[in-house]
Protein backbone atom coordinates (compact mmCIF):
# COMPACT_ATOMS: atom_id res chain seq x y z
CA UNK A 1 -0.06 -0.10 -0.06
CA UNK A 2 2.80 2.29 0.76
CA UNK A 3 4.32 1.99 -2.04
CA UNK A 4 1.18 3.47 -4.36
CA UNK A 5 2.03 7.09 -5.30
CA UNK A 6 -0.94 8.54 -3.91
CA UNK A 7 -0.54 6.78 -0.47
CA UNK A 8 2.58 8.45 1.74
CA UNK A 9 1.49 12.13 0.73
CA UNK A 10 -1.82 11.68 2.24
CA UNK A 11 0.17 9.50 5.46
CA UNK A 12 2.01 12.81 5.68
CA UNK A 13 -0.72 15.01 5.82
CA UNK A 14 -2.43 13.04 8.81
CA UNK A 15 0.61 12.97 10.57
CA UNK A 16 0.70 16.37 10.16
CA UNK A 17 -2.62 17.60 10.97
CA UNK A 18 -2.50 15.05 14.15
CA UNK A 19 0.67 16.62 15.63
CA UNK A 20 -0.65 20.00 14.98
CA UNK A 21 -4.12 18.74 16.83
CA UNK A 22 -2.43 17.23 19.84
CA UNK A 23 0.01 19.79 20.32
CA UNK A 24 -2.20 23.25 19.66
CA UNK A 25 -5.58 22.12 19.49
CA UNK A 26 -8.11 22.72 22.33
CA UNK A 27 -9.53 19.15 23.93
CA UNK A 28 -12.53 19.62 22.07
CA UNK A 29 -11.14 19.43 18.65
CA UNK A 30 -10.65 15.20 18.74
CA UNK A 31 -14.23 15.55 18.22
CA UNK A 32 -13.92 17.95 15.47
CA UNK A 33 -11.71 14.95 13.91
CA UNK A 34 -14.19 12.23 14.87
CA UNK A 35 -16.61 13.96 12.58
CA UNK A 36 -14.23 13.96 9.93
CA UNK A 37 -15.11 10.57 10.05
CA UNK A 38 -18.89 9.83 8.48
CA UNK A 39 -18.15 13.47 6.26
CA UNK A 40 -15.39 10.89 4.89
CA UNK A 41 -17.38 8.13 4.02
CA UNK A 42 -19.92 9.95 2.47
CA UNK A 43 -17.58 11.31 0.38
CA UNK A 44 -16.19 8.09 -0.28
CA UNK A 45 -19.71 6.98 -1.49
CA UNK A 46 -20.68 10.09 -3.20
CA UNK A 47 -17.20 10.08 -5.26
CA UNK A 48 -17.68 5.97 -6.34
CA UNK A 49 -21.43 6.23 -7.26
CA UNK A 50 -21.57 10.14 -8.79
CA UNK A 51 -18.14 10.18 -10.25
CA UNK A 52 -16.50 6.87 -10.60
CA UNK A 53 -19.29 5.20 -12.27
CA UNK A 54 -19.99 8.02 -14.53
CA UNK A 55 -21.61 6.75 -18.15
CA UNK A 56 -19.15 5.74 -20.64
CA UNK A 57 -18.26 8.99 -22.77
CA UNK A 58 -18.05 8.55 -26.48
CA UNK A 59 -14.59 10.65 -26.49
CA UNK A 60 -11.62 8.74 -25.67
CA UNK A 61 -9.51 11.25 -23.78
CA UNK A 62 -12.37 11.61 -21.60
CA UNK A 63 -13.05 7.50 -21.20
CA UNK A 64 -9.19 7.44 -20.49
CA UNK A 65 -10.01 9.79 -17.60
CA UNK A 66 -12.57 7.26 -16.45
CA UNK A 67 -10.62 4.32 -17.24
CA UNK A 68 -7.89 5.19 -14.63
CA UNK A 69 -10.20 7.05 -12.12
CA UNK A 70 -11.79 3.89 -11.93
CA UNK A 71 -13.20 1.54 -14.94
CA UNK A 72 -10.22 -0.18 -15.50
CA UNK A 73 -10.38 -1.34 -11.55
CA UNK A 74 -13.58 -3.09 -12.54
CA UNK A 75 -11.93 -4.40 -16.57
CA UNK A 76 -8.52 -5.90 -13.87
CA UNK A 77 -9.54 -6.35 -10.18
CA UNK A 78 -6.72 -8.14 -9.43
CA UNK A 79 -4.84 -5.39 -10.59
CA UNK A 80 -2.61 -4.24 -7.86
CA UNK A 81 -1.48 -0.39 -9.45
CA UNK A 82 -4.99 0.00 -9.79
CA UNK A 83 -6.49 -1.01 -6.61
CA UNK A 84 -5.73 2.90 -5.05
CA UNK A 85 -6.90 6.32 -6.21
CA UNK A 86 -4.89 8.16 -8.36
CA UNK A 87 -3.18 11.17 -6.99
CA UNK A 88 -4.24 13.33 -9.35
CA UNK A 89 -7.77 12.54 -7.57
CA UNK A 90 -6.81 12.27 -3.66
CA UNK A 91 -4.60 15.41 -3.84
CA UNK A 92 -6.81 18.08 -5.37
CA UNK A 93 -9.87 16.50 -3.57
CA UNK A 94 -7.80 17.04 -0.10
CA UNK A 95 -6.98 20.33 -0.92
CA UNK A 96 -10.08 21.62 -1.93
CA UNK A 97 -11.92 20.16 1.18
CA UNK A 98 -8.88 21.92 3.32
CA UNK A 99 -9.41 25.18 1.98
CA UNK A 100 -13.19 24.59 2.29
CA UNK A 101 -13.06 24.07 5.69
CA UNK A 102 -9.96 26.38 6.61
CA UNK A 103 -11.98 29.35 4.56
CA UNK A 104 -15.74 28.85 6.64
CA UNK A 105 -13.65 28.51 10.15
CA UNK A 106 -11.60 31.75 8.79
CA UNK A 107 -14.50 33.64 8.53
CA UNK A 108 -16.59 31.69 11.72
CA UNK A 109 -13.89 31.14 14.09
CA UNK A 110 -10.90 32.67 13.24
CA UNK A 111 -9.00 31.98 16.05
CA UNK A 112 -9.07 28.15 15.06
CA UNK A 113 -8.53 28.70 11.28
CA UNK A 114 -5.69 26.05 11.45
CA UNK A 115 -6.86 24.01 14.13
CA UNK A 116 -10.44 22.99 12.80
CA UNK A 117 -9.11 22.04 9.32
CA UNK A 118 -6.63 20.02 10.41
CA UNK A 119 -8.68 17.80 12.88
CA UNK A 120 -11.64 17.71 10.78
CA UNK A 121 -10.36 17.15 7.09
CA UNK A 122 -6.20 15.88 7.70
CA UNK A 123 -6.91 13.93 10.82
CA UNK A 124 -10.62 12.47 10.09
CA UNK A 125 -10.88 12.55 6.52
CA UNK A 126 -7.37 11.61 5.10
CA UNK A 127 -7.45 9.11 8.46
CA UNK A 128 -10.72 7.43 6.93
CA UNK A 129 -9.19 7.90 3.37
CA UNK A 130 -6.40 5.46 4.30
CA UNK A 131 -8.62 3.49 6.20
CA UNK A 132 -10.62 2.94 2.92
CA UNK A 133 -7.32 2.59 0.95
CA UNK A 134 -6.14 -0.53 3.50
CA UNK A 135 -9.48 -2.29 3.31
CA UNK A 136 -10.00 -2.16 -0.44
CA UNK A 137 -6.55 -3.53 -0.82
CA UNK A 138 -7.19 -6.74 1.62
CA UNK A 139 -10.67 -6.86 -0.27
CA UNK A 140 -8.67 -7.58 -3.73
CA UNK A 141 -5.82 -9.38 -2.35
CA UNK A 142 -5.71 -13.51 -1.12
CA UNK A 143 -4.59 -12.51 2.17
CA UNK A 144 -5.12 -13.69 5.69
CA UNK A 145 -8.41 -11.07 6.79
CA UNK A 146 -9.65 -9.86 9.92
CA UNK A 147 -13.91 -10.79 10.54
CA UNK A 148 -14.08 -7.02 9.53
CA UNK A 149 -12.11 -7.61 6.63
CA UNK A 150 -13.85 -10.59 5.62
CA UNK A 151 -16.92 -8.68 6.24
CA UNK A 152 -16.09 -5.95 3.45
CA UNK A 153 -14.57 -8.50 1.34
CA UNK A 154 -18.04 -10.04 0.77
CA UNK A 155 -19.80 -6.89 0.02
CA UNK A 156 -17.47 -5.46 -2.23
CA UNK A 157 -17.19 -8.44 -3.99
CA UNK A 158 -20.85 -8.56 -4.39
CA UNK A 159 -20.67 -4.94 -6.25
CA UNK A 160 -17.84 -6.06 -8.58
CA UNK A 161 -18.99 -9.62 -9.43
CA UNK A 162 -23.17 -9.29 -9.24
CA UNK A 163 -24.32 -6.02 -9.42
CA UNK A 164 -22.06 -2.68 -9.76
CA UNK A 165 -25.09 -0.39 -8.71
CA UNK A 166 -25.13 -1.81 -4.97
CA UNK A 167 -22.83 -1.55 -2.16
CA UNK A 168 -20.83 1.24 -2.86
CA UNK A 169 -18.84 1.69 0.26
CA UNK A 170 -15.67 0.05 1.23
CA UNK A 171 -15.07 1.27 5.07
CA UNK A 172 -16.13 0.04 7.87
CA UNK A 173 -19.68 1.02 8.83
CA UNK A 174 -19.84 2.48 5.35
CA UNK A 175 -22.82 0.46 4.76
CA UNK A 176 -25.43 2.24 6.70
CA UNK A 177 -24.60 5.37 3.92
CA UNK A 178 -25.36 2.41 1.26
CA UNK A 179 -29.03 1.39 3.23
CA UNK A 180 -29.68 5.18 3.19
CA UNK A 181 -29.48 5.80 -0.04
CA UNK A 182 -30.62 2.54 -1.61
CA UNK A 183 -27.87 0.90 -2.82
CA UNK A 184 -27.89 -2.10 -0.30
CA UNK A 185 -28.88 -5.38 -1.14
CA UNK A 186 -29.45 -8.80 0.94
CA UNK A 187 -26.99 -11.16 0.09
CA UNK A 188 -29.56 -14.04 -0.70
CA UNK A 189 -31.68 -11.29 -2.68
CA UNK A 190 -28.43 -10.72 -4.83
CA UNK A 191 -27.76 -14.30 -5.63
CA UNK A 192 -31.02 -14.90 -6.82
CA UNK A 193 -30.99 -12.40 -9.35
CA UNK A 194 -29.76 -12.28 -12.52
CA UNK A 195 -25.93 -11.19 -12.69
CA UNK A 196 -25.41 -7.83 -14.47
CA UNK A 197 -24.67 -8.09 -18.45
CA UNK A 198 -20.82 -7.24 -18.55
CA UNK A 199 -20.25 -7.07 -14.89
CA UNK A 200 -16.79 -6.49 -15.44
CA UNK A 201 -16.89 -3.93 -18.01
CA UNK A 202 -19.58 -1.89 -16.16
CA UNK A 203 -21.96 -2.71 -18.63
CA UNK A 204 -19.67 -2.45 -21.74
CA UNK A 205 -19.12 -5.57 -24.34
CA UNK A 206 -15.71 -6.27 -23.30
CA UNK A 207 -14.59 -5.83 -26.98
CA UNK A 208 -15.74 -2.34 -26.95
CA UNK A 209 -13.09 0.14 -28.93
CA UNK A 210 -13.12 2.65 -26.08
CA UNK A 211 -12.09 -0.18 -23.93
CA UNK A 212 -9.78 -1.55 -26.12
CA UNK A 213 -7.56 1.86 -27.00
CA UNK A 214 -7.19 2.20 -22.80
CA UNK A 215 -6.11 -1.21 -22.54
CA UNK A 216 -3.20 -0.70 -24.72
CA UNK A 217 -2.50 2.82 -24.01
CA UNK A 218 -1.88 2.04 -20.43
CA UNK A 219 -0.22 -1.54 -20.47
CA UNK A 220 3.06 -0.43 -19.51
CA UNK A 221 1.70 2.21 -17.24
CA UNK A 222 -0.58 -1.25 -15.14
CA UNK A 223 1.47 -3.79 -15.93
CA UNK A 224 -0.85 -5.64 -18.13
CA UNK A 225 0.08 -8.31 -19.91
CA UNK A 226 -1.01 -8.84 -23.90
CA UNK A 227 -2.38 -12.03 -22.59
CA UNK A 228 -4.79 -10.12 -19.97
CA UNK A 229 -5.76 -8.09 -22.20
CA UNK A 230 -6.70 -10.44 -25.12
CA UNK A 231 -8.37 -12.35 -22.06
CA UNK A 232 -10.35 -9.24 -21.13
CA UNK A 233 -12.06 -8.62 -24.84
CA UNK A 234 -13.84 -11.97 -24.60
């Protein structure tokens, strides 16, 4: 996990925020950090459902962006470089969230304009993001898992291999958001329904020209072999 380029900057941001909160924040700033957890989980759900699963565009350069952001992960769900959110997505979102909270705090509670964004965004938000990355990684790897990791793996597998319009959460507890948003479904009900056609390609035919072009374009970047690319087209 730490070898992926987007993760170390997030770890640094989390540690920096934690130091600021512990040594310079009031006691209640820890509760602000806790508030960042459900907010980031909602952010995770919203991005996954409404951005990463956008309908495929007809323009190849736009499709390539979607492919790197998420389509490629569904196309090759065991490809490790595709597990993690690209830095060109995670870093701008972090800066926007931090800037928005800093601006609001500066207007309302200027004396805490450095502590509250650090607690809410860097500690609560980034800490939850790193938790998401961990559970998402373990969900796709054949490793020994804790009970929580097995539970997440089971639900996430349904999203990948039964119905990609269900179970958008990955972080522990995020299933509450899926239930509230109407994207949860019972295991028995999901198994009994017909599996969505072309599940691994989010409804696109496996040999769709946009998919084929993206696979070849990013083969080196994501270490895709020729045999993997050929198999994905069938």
